[in-house]
């Protein structure tokens, strides 16, 4: 019998039907877990009900995970695992522990020598790189860029420089209501020949993935203010 594990449980990136983006194997694992470390309890409960409508959600234990959760609390969350119970980590969207607080829990589990098992599911970062036509052997994800206009311009110039100096794809994100402003900043800052891929609503009904040069994007940027996007730069 396998040792108890901390399962990293991917969730859909939007309202996409679960069966389109998650293997049936995941459901079998999820239905055996009674302890979940989650970014948001309400959305976690909704996801689990989609996985199995017959699941007794009220019998489960949820441990909220946020940017300000203390290391002591995180370590305490793993107590059921040390006592022999499987546990699961759920993020708000996509794969846990990638660009979200779940990585801190995984780090503690690894330090304690506990078993960590990542399950297959949608990762917006990898899917965007796959669809961009950019370098998939060397890429870097930078999260959010600075909000300050001067700092943002400097950061964009730095990332573009890495594209040309290292042949490395550069990825970043923005809060949806500021997506269009970010694209505007990219078009004003980057070289005309630099290529920009906008990957929006990946795996969802509104999916839009398009690669053009900065020059070609001028006057052709769609409305992006209500949709999660990834932005990729390459030469």
C-alpha atoms as a PDB file:
ATOM      1  CA  UNK A   1       0.000   0.000   0.000  1.00  0.00           C
ATOM      2  CA  UNK A   2       1.386   3.422  -0.975  1.00  0.00           C
ATOM      3  CA  UNK A   3       2.303   5.970   1.669  1.00  0.00           C
ATOM      4  CA  UNK A   4      -0.223   8.768   2.258  1.00  0.00           C
ATOM      5  CA  UNK A   5       0.348  11.680  -0.096  1.00  0.00           C
ATOM      6  CA  UNK A   6      -0.174  15.370  -0.532  1.00  0.00           C
ATOM      7  CA  UNK A   7      -1.963  15.460  -3.892  1.00  0.00           C
ATOM      8  CA  UNK A   8      -1.677  18.587  -6.051  1.00  0.00           C
ATOM      9  CA  UNK A   9      -5.109  18.746  -7.670  1.00  0.00           C
ATOM     10  CA  UNK A  10      -5.543  20.870 -10.827  1.00  0.00           C
ATOM     11  CA  UNK A  11      -8.880  22.581 -11.450  1.00  0.00           C
ATOM     12  CA  UNK A  12     -10.327  24.022 -14.680  1.00  0.00           C
ATOM     13  CA  UNK A  13      -9.209  27.497 -15.774  1.00  0.00           C
ATOM     14  CA  UNK A  14     -12.830  28.648 -16.091  1.00  0.00           C
ATOM     15  CA  UNK A  15     -16.286  27.170 -16.555  1.00  0.00           C
ATOM     16  CA  UNK A  16     -14.995  24.472 -18.883  1.00  0.00           C
ATOM     17  CA  UNK A  17     -16.635  21.080 -18.194  1.00  0.00           C
ATOM     18  CA  UNK A  18     -14.362  19.048 -15.939  1.00  0.00           C
ATOM     19  CA  UNK A  19     -14.275  16.053 -18.260  1.00  0.00           C
ATOM     20  CA  UNK A  20     -12.705  18.206 -21.006  1.00  0.00           C
ATOM     21  CA  UNK A  21      -9.623  19.162 -18.996  1.00  0.00           C
ATOM     22  CA  UNK A  22      -9.170  16.641 -16.165  1.00  0.00           C
ATOM     23  CA  UNK A  23      -8.479  12.886 -16.431  1.00  0.00           C
ATOM     24  CA  UNK A  24     -11.024  10.493 -14.909  1.00  0.00           C
ATOM     25  CA  UNK A  25      -8.187   9.233 -12.711  1.00  0.00           C
ATOM     26  CA  UNK A  26      -8.240  12.546 -10.822  1.00  0.00           C
ATOM     27  CA  UNK A  27     -11.852  12.010  -9.753  1.00  0.00           C
ATOM     28  CA  UNK A  28     -10.977   8.659  -8.225  1.00  0.00           C
ATOM     29  CA  UNK A  29      -8.224  10.257  -6.153  1.00  0.00           C
ATOM     30  CA  UNK A  30     -10.268  13.306  -5.132  1.00  0.00           C
ATOM     31  CA  UNK A  31     -13.154  11.179  -3.883  1.00  0.00           C
ATOM     32  CA  UNK A  32     -10.868   9.408  -1.376  1.00  0.00           C
ATOM     33  CA  UNK A  33      -9.524  12.634   0.192  1.00  0.00           C
ATOM     34  CA  UNK A  34     -11.115  14.130   3.313  1.00  0.00           C
ATOM     35  CA  UNK A  35      -8.680  16.986   3.996  1.00  0.00           C
ATOM     36  CA  UNK A  36      -8.129  19.847   1.533  1.00  0.00           C
ATOM     37  CA  UNK A  37      -5.818  22.865   1.661  1.00  0.00           C
ATOM     38  CA  UNK A  38      -7.539  25.504  -0.478  1.00  0.00           C
ATOM     39  CA  UNK A  39      -7.228  29.112  -1.641  1.00  0.00           C
ATOM     40  CA  UNK A  40     -10.950  29.708  -1.259  1.00  0.00           C
ATOM     41  CA  UNK A  41     -13.309  27.403   0.626  1.00  0.00           C
ATOM     42  CA  UNK A  42     -16.442  28.373  -1.323  1.00  0.00           C
ATOM     43  CA  UNK A  43     -14.920  27.799  -4.766  1.00  0.00           C
ATOM     44  CA  UNK A  44     -13.292  24.582  -3.538  1.00  0.00           C
ATOM     45  CA  UNK A  45     -16.681  23.278  -2.397  1.00  0.00           C
ATOM     46  CA  UNK A  46     -18.207  24.167  -5.783  1.00  0.00           C
ATOM     47  CA  UNK A  47     -15.413  22.364  -7.630  1.00  0.00           C
ATOM     48  CA  UNK A  48     -15.752  19.228  -5.504  1.00  0.00           C
ATOM     49  CA  UNK A  49     -19.515  19.157  -6.107  1.00  0.00           C
ATOM     50  CA  UNK A  50     -18.823  19.247  -9.855  1.00  0.00           C
ATOM     51  CA  UNK A  51     -16.423  16.329  -9.463  1.00  0.00           C
ATOM     52  CA  UNK A  52     -19.037  14.253  -7.629  1.00  0.00           C
ATOM     53  CA  UNK A  53     -22.559  15.492  -6.959  1.00  0.00           C
ATOM     54  CA  UNK A  54     -23.027  12.815  -4.292  1.00  0.00           C
ATOM     55  CA  UNK A  55     -20.004  13.937  -2.287  1.00  0.00           C
ATOM     56  CA  UNK A  56     -20.786  14.868   1.328  1.00  0.00           C
ATOM     57  CA  UNK A  57     -19.028  18.229   1.322  1.00  0.00           C
ATOM     58  CA  UNK A  58     -19.895  18.962   4.967  1.00  0.00           C
ATOM     59  CA  UNK A  59     -17.923  15.921   6.094  1.00  0.00           C
ATOM     60  CA  UNK A  60     -14.710  17.321   4.612  1.00  0.00           C
ATOM     61  CA  UNK A  61     -12.153  19.527   6.349  1.00  0.00           C
ATOM     62  CA  UNK A  62     -10.860  22.650   4.592  1.00  0.00           C
ATOM     63  CA  UNK A  63      -7.719  24.571   5.506  1.00  0.00           C
ATOM     64  CA  UNK A  64      -7.681  28.107   4.009  1.00  0.00           C
ATOM     65  CA  UNK A  65      -4.470  29.132   2.287  1.00  0.00           C
ATOM     66  CA  UNK A  66      -3.504  32.731   1.510  1.00  0.00           C
ATOM     67  CA  UNK A  67      -0.518  34.995   1.058  1.00  0.00           C
ATOM     68  CA  UNK A  68      -0.570  35.852   4.756  1.00  0.00           C
ATOM     69  CA  UNK A  69      -0.985  32.339   6.164  1.00  0.00           C
ATOM     70  CA  UNK A  70       1.904  31.871   8.600  1.00  0.00           C
ATOM     71  CA  UNK A  71       4.527  29.113   8.153  1.00  0.00           C
ATOM     72  CA  UNK A  72       3.427  27.692  11.526  1.00  0.00           C
ATOM     73  CA  UNK A  73      -0.175  27.405  10.291  1.00  0.00           C
ATOM     74  CA  UNK A  74       0.960  25.840   7.020  1.00  0.00           C
ATOM     75  CA  UNK A  75       3.008  23.251   8.868  1.00  0.00           C
ATOM     76  CA  UNK A  76       0.035  22.525  11.132  1.00  0.00           C
ATOM     77  CA  UNK A  77      -2.196  21.999   8.116  1.00  0.00           C
ATOM     78  CA  UNK A  78      -0.122  18.916   7.241  1.00  0.00           C
ATOM     79  CA  UNK A  79      -0.880  17.160  10.540  1.00  0.00           C
ATOM     80  CA  UNK A  80      -3.501  14.838   8.960  1.00  0.00           C
ATOM     81  CA  UNK A  81      -0.898  13.781   6.398  1.00  0.00           C
ATOM     82  CA  UNK A  82       1.660  12.939   9.086  1.00  0.00           C
ATOM     83  CA  UNK A  83      -1.068  10.874  10.788  1.00  0.00           C
ATOM     84  CA  UNK A  84      -1.553   8.753   7.663  1.00  0.00           C
ATOM     85  CA  UNK A  85      -4.314  10.575   5.778  1.00  0.00           C
ATOM     86  CA  UNK A  86      -4.142  11.670   2.138  1.00  0.00           C
ATOM     87  CA  UNK A  87      -4.510  15.424   1.613  1.00  0.00           C
ATOM     88  CA  UNK A  88      -5.165  17.601  -1.438  1.00  0.00           C
ATOM     89  CA  UNK A  89      -4.223  21.159  -2.447  1.00  0.00           C
ATOM     90  CA  UNK A  90      -6.665  23.115  -4.618  1.00  0.00           C
ATOM     91  CA  UNK A  91      -5.892  26.475  -6.217  1.00  0.00           C
ATOM     92  CA  UNK A  92      -8.454  28.872  -7.675  1.00  0.00           C
ATOM     93  CA  UNK A  93      -7.594  27.894 -11.240  1.00  0.00           C
ATOM     94  CA  UNK A  94      -5.131  25.632 -12.992  1.00  0.00           C
ATOM     95  CA  UNK A  95      -2.309  23.800 -11.238  1.00  0.00           C
ATOM     96  CA  UNK A  96      -1.628  24.370  -7.529  1.00  0.00           C
ATOM     97  CA  UNK A  97       1.815  25.514  -6.366  1.00  0.00           C
ATOM     98  CA  UNK A  98       2.493  27.267  -9.697  1.00  0.00           C
ATOM     99  CA  UNK A  99       2.172  31.031  -9.240  1.00  0.00           C
ATOM    100  CA  UNK A 100       0.112  30.625  -6.069  1.00  0.00           C
ATOM    101  CA  UNK A 101       0.698  30.106  -2.319  1.00  0.00           C
ATOM    102  CA  UNK A 102       0.488  26.309  -2.582  1.00  0.00           C
ATOM    103  CA  UNK A 103       4.237  26.151  -3.203  1.00  0.00           C
ATOM    104  CA  UNK A 104       4.906  27.022   0.456  1.00  0.00           C
ATOM    105  CA  UNK A 105       2.935  23.994   1.663  1.00  0.00           C
ATOM    106  CA  UNK A 106       4.692  21.722  -0.810  1.00  0.00           C
ATOM    107  CA  UNK A 107       8.079  23.023   0.364  1.00  0.00           C
ATOM    108  CA  UNK A 108       7.229  22.133   3.965  1.00  0.00           C
ATOM    109  CA  UNK A 109       6.021  18.677   2.922  1.00  0.00           C
ATOM    110  CA  UNK A 110       9.268  18.085   1.043  1.00  0.00           C
ATOM    111  CA  UNK A 111      11.369  19.205   4.018  1.00  0.00           C
ATOM    112  CA  UNK A 112       9.462  16.768   6.233  1.00  0.00           C
ATOM    113  CA  UNK A 113      10.035  13.929   3.777  1.00  0.00           C
ATOM    114  CA  UNK A 114       6.320  13.546   3.041  1.00  0.00           C
ATOM    115  CA  UNK A 115       5.092  12.127  -0.264  1.00  0.00           C
ATOM    116  CA  UNK A 116       3.995  14.739  -2.835  1.00  0.00           C
ATOM    117  CA  UNK A 117       2.023  13.683  -5.936  1.00  0.00           C
ATOM    118  CA  UNK A 118       1.191  16.149  -8.744  1.00  0.00           C
ATOM    119  CA  UNK A 119      -1.812  15.208 -10.871  1.00  0.00           C
ATOM    120  CA  UNK A 120      -2.320  16.073 -14.534  1.00  0.00           C
ATOM    121  CA  UNK A 121      -4.414  19.116 -15.440  1.00  0.00           C
ATOM    122  CA  UNK A 122      -4.474  22.462 -17.253  1.00  0.00           C
ATOM    123  CA  UNK A 123      -1.588  24.874 -16.729  1.00  0.00           C
ATOM    124  CA  UNK A 124      -2.214  28.236 -18.389  1.00  0.00           C
ATOM    125  CA  UNK A 125       1.517  28.924 -18.524  1.00  0.00           C
ATOM    126  CA  UNK A 126       2.406  25.751 -20.426  1.00  0.00           C
ATOM    127  CA  UNK A 127      -0.639  25.924 -22.693  1.00  0.00           C
ATOM    128  CA  UNK A 128       0.193  29.520 -23.620  1.00  0.00           C
ATOM    129  CA  UNK A 129       3.806  28.631 -24.449  1.00  0.00           C
ATOM    130  CA  UNK A 130       2.602  25.674 -26.534  1.00  0.00           C
ATOM    131  CA  UNK A 131       0.211  27.833 -28.572  1.00  0.00           C
ATOM    132  CA  UNK A 132       2.418  30.904 -28.990  1.00  0.00           C
ATOM    133  CA  UNK A 133       4.948  29.551 -31.450  1.00  0.00           C
ATOM    134  CA  UNK A 134       7.708  30.877 -29.178  1.00  0.00           C
ATOM    135  CA  UNK A 135      10.724  29.147 -27.610  1.00  0.00           C
ATOM    136  CA  UNK A 136       9.412  26.337 -25.419  1.00  0.00           C
ATOM    137  CA  UNK A 137      12.861  25.198 -24.277  1.00  0.00           C
ATOM    138  CA  UNK A 138      13.720  28.430 -22.480  1.00  0.00           C
ATOM    139  CA  UNK A 139      10.996  30.595 -20.981  1.00  0.00           C
ATOM    140  CA  UNK A 140      10.380  32.584 -17.803  1.00  0.00           C
ATOM    141  CA  UNK A 141       7.148  33.501 -16.033  1.00  0.00           C
ATOM    142  CA  UNK A 142       7.258  36.809 -14.140  1.00  0.00           C
ATOM    143  CA  UNK A 143       3.767  37.119 -12.667  1.00  0.00           C
ATOM    144  CA  UNK A 144       2.521  40.703 -12.426  1.00  0.00           C
ATOM    145  CA  UNK A 145       4.548  43.631 -13.741  1.00  0.00           C
ATOM    146  CA  UNK A 146       4.869  46.879 -11.724  1.00  0.00           C
ATOM    147  CA  UNK A 147       1.847  49.187 -11.714  1.00  0.00           C
ATOM    148  CA  UNK A 148       3.908  52.383 -11.664  1.00  0.00           C
ATOM    149  CA  UNK A 149       4.140  53.577 -15.315  1.00  0.00           C
ATOM    150  CA  UNK A 150       7.884  54.322 -15.245  1.00  0.00           C
ATOM    151  CA  UNK A 151       8.737  51.059 -13.468  1.00  0.00           C
ATOM    152  CA  UNK A 152       6.513  49.102 -15.841  1.00  0.00           C
ATOM    153  CA  UNK A 153       8.177  50.628 -18.903  1.00  0.00           C
ATOM    154  CA  UNK A 154      11.616  49.783 -17.499  1.00  0.00           C
ATOM    155  CA  UNK A 155      10.517  46.231 -16.731  1.00  0.00           C
ATOM    156  CA  UNK A 156       9.137  45.704 -20.228  1.00  0.00           C
ATOM    157  CA  UNK A 157      12.405  46.938 -21.717  1.00  0.00           C
ATOM    158  CA  UNK A 158      14.344  44.533 -19.469  1.00  0.00           C
ATOM    159  CA  UNK A 159      12.188  41.579 -20.490  1.00  0.00           C
ATOM    160  CA  UNK A 160      12.458  42.457 -24.167  1.00  0.00           C
ATOM    161  CA  UNK A 161      16.218  42.676 -23.794  1.00  0.00           C
ATOM    162  CA  UNK A 162      16.259  39.140 -22.377  1.00  0.00           C
ATOM    163  CA  UNK A 163      14.299  37.968 -25.419  1.00  0.00           C
ATOM    164  CA  UNK A 164      17.038  39.168 -27.750  1.00  0.00           C
ATOM    165  CA  UNK A 165      20.045  38.447 -25.530  1.00  0.00           C
ATOM    166  CA  UNK A 166      19.015  34.980 -24.317  1.00  0.00           C
ATOM    167  CA  UNK A 167      16.428  33.868 -26.911  1.00  0.00           C
ATOM    168  CA  UNK A 168      14.115  33.286 -23.957  1.00  0.00           C
ATOM    169  CA  UNK A 169      10.322  33.577 -24.070  1.00  0.00           C
ATOM    170  CA  UNK A 170       9.010  36.033 -21.450  1.00  0.00           C
ATOM    171  CA  UNK A 171       5.554  35.551 -19.876  1.00  0.00           C
ATOM    172  CA  UNK A 172       3.561  37.770 -17.515  1.00  0.00           C
ATOM    173  CA  UNK A 173       0.000  38.490 -16.429  1.00  0.00           C
ATOM    174  CA  UNK A 174      -2.198  41.378 -15.329  1.00  0.00           C
ATOM    175  CA  UNK A 175      -5.467  41.859 -13.465  1.00  0.00           C
ATOM    176  CA  UNK A 176      -8.175  41.529 -16.161  1.00  0.00           C
ATOM    177  CA  UNK A 177      -9.497  45.108 -15.895  1.00  0.00           C
ATOM    178  CA  UNK A 178      -5.959  46.383 -16.604  1.00  0.00           C
ATOM    179  CA  UNK A 179      -5.242  44.018 -19.514  1.00  0.00           C
ATOM    180  CA  UNK A 180      -5.912  46.559 -22.245  1.00  0.00           C
ATOM    181  CA  UNK A 181      -3.708  49.166 -20.563  1.00  0.00           C
ATOM    182  CA  UNK A 182      -0.881  46.642 -20.355  1.00  0.00           C
ATOM    183  CA  UNK A 183      -1.156  45.868 -24.070  1.00  0.00           C
ATOM    184  CA  UNK A 184      -1.117  49.597 -24.778  1.00  0.00           C
ATOM    185  CA  UNK A 185       2.095  49.916 -22.741  1.00  0.00           C
ATOM    186  CA  UNK A 186       3.672  46.987 -24.589  1.00  0.00           C
ATOM    187  CA  UNK A 187       2.858  48.508 -27.983  1.00  0.00           C
ATOM    188  CA  UNK A 188       4.342  51.857 -26.931  1.00  0.00           C
ATOM    189  CA  UNK A 189       7.465  50.373 -25.340  1.00  0.00           C
ATOM    190  CA  UNK A 190       8.620  47.348 -27.327  1.00  0.00           C
ATOM    191  CA  UNK A 191      10.280  47.209 -30.734  1.00  0.00           C
ATOM    192  CA  UNK A 192       7.945  47.019 -33.760  1.00  0.00           C
ATOM    193  CA  UNK A 193       9.382  43.647 -34.784  1.00  0.00           C
ATOM    194  CA  UNK A 194       9.085  42.038 -31.328  1.00  0.00           C
ATOM    195  CA  UNK A 195       6.356  39.423 -31.288  1.00  0.00           C
ATOM    196  CA  UNK A 196       3.573  39.504 -28.705  1.00  0.00           C
ATOM    197  CA  UNK A 197       1.240  36.591 -28.041  1.00  0.00           C
ATOM    198  CA  UNK A 198      -2.023  37.297 -26.223  1.00  0.00           C
ATOM    199  CA  UNK A 199      -3.418  34.087 -24.728  1.00  0.00           C
ATOM    200  CA  UNK A 200      -6.830  34.781 -23.212  1.00  0.00           C
ATOM    201  CA  UNK A 201      -9.456  32.498 -21.689  1.00  0.00           C
ATOM    202  CA  UNK A 202      -7.388  29.388 -22.327  1.00  0.00           C
ATOM    203  CA  UNK A 203      -9.518  26.187 -22.562  1.00  0.00           C
ATOM    204  CA  UNK A 204     -12.695  28.264 -22.092  1.00  0.00           C
ATOM    205  CA  UNK A 205     -15.492  29.208 -24.477  1.00  0.00           C
ATOM    206  CA  UNK A 206     -13.976  32.665 -25.008  1.00  0.00           C
ATOM    207  CA  UNK A 207     -10.485  31.332 -25.760  1.00  0.00           C
ATOM    208  CA  UNK A 208      -8.421  33.719 -27.878  1.00  0.00           C
ATOM    209  CA  UNK A 209      -4.757  32.991 -28.656  1.00  0.00           C
ATOM    210  CA  UNK A 210      -3.022  35.101 -31.281  1.00  0.00           C
ATOM    211  CA  UNK A 211       0.621  35.961 -32.054  1.00  0.00           C
ATOM    212  CA  UNK A 212       1.560  39.107 -33.975  1.00  0.00           C
ATOM    213  CA  UNK A 213       4.417  41.581 -34.047  1.00  0.00           C
ATOM    214  CA  UNK A 214       4.010  44.754 -32.022  1.00  0.00           C
ATOM    215  CA  UNK A 215       3.564  46.638 -35.298  1.00  0.00           C
ATOM    216  CA  UNK A 216       0.841  44.217 -36.461  1.00  0.00           C
ATOM    217  CA  UNK A 217      -1.099  44.475 -33.184  1.00  0.00           C
ATOM    218  CA  UNK A 218      -1.674  48.210 -33.585  1.00  0.00           C
ATOM    219  CA  UNK A 219      -5.394  48.809 -34.019  1.00  0.00           C
ATOM    220  CA  UNK A 220      -6.220  45.111 -33.723  1.00  0.00           C
ATOM    221  CA  UNK A 221      -6.274  44.515 -29.955  1.00  0.00           C
ATOM    222  CA  UNK A 222      -9.561  42.908 -28.797  1.00  0.00           C
ATOM    223  CA  UNK A 223     -11.431  43.866 -25.632  1.00  0.00           C
ATOM    224  CA  UNK A 224      -9.651  42.008 -22.808  1.00  0.00           C
ATOM    225  CA  UNK A 225     -10.904  43.749 -19.672  1.00  0.00           C
ATOM    226  CA  UNK A 226     -13.004  40.843 -18.369  1.00  0.00           C
ATOM    227  CA  UNK A 227     -10.921  37.814 -19.288  1.00  0.00           C
ATOM    228  CA  UNK A 228      -7.810  36.218 -17.716  1.00  0.00           C
ATOM    229  CA  UNK A 229      -4.830  36.673 -20.049  1.00  0.00           C
ATOM    230  CA  UNK A 230      -1.224  35.639 -20.386  1.00  0.00           C
ATOM    231  CA  UNK A 231       1.129  37.857 -22.370  1.00  0.00           C
ATOM    232  CA  UNK A 232       4.240  36.456 -24.045  1.00  0.00           C
ATOM    233  CA  UNK A 233       7.126  38.265 -25.712  1.00  0.00           C
ATOM    234  CA  UNK A 234       9.638  36.781 -28.143  1.00  0.00           C
ATOM    235  CA  UNK A 235      11.664  37.892 -31.113  1.00  0.00           C
END
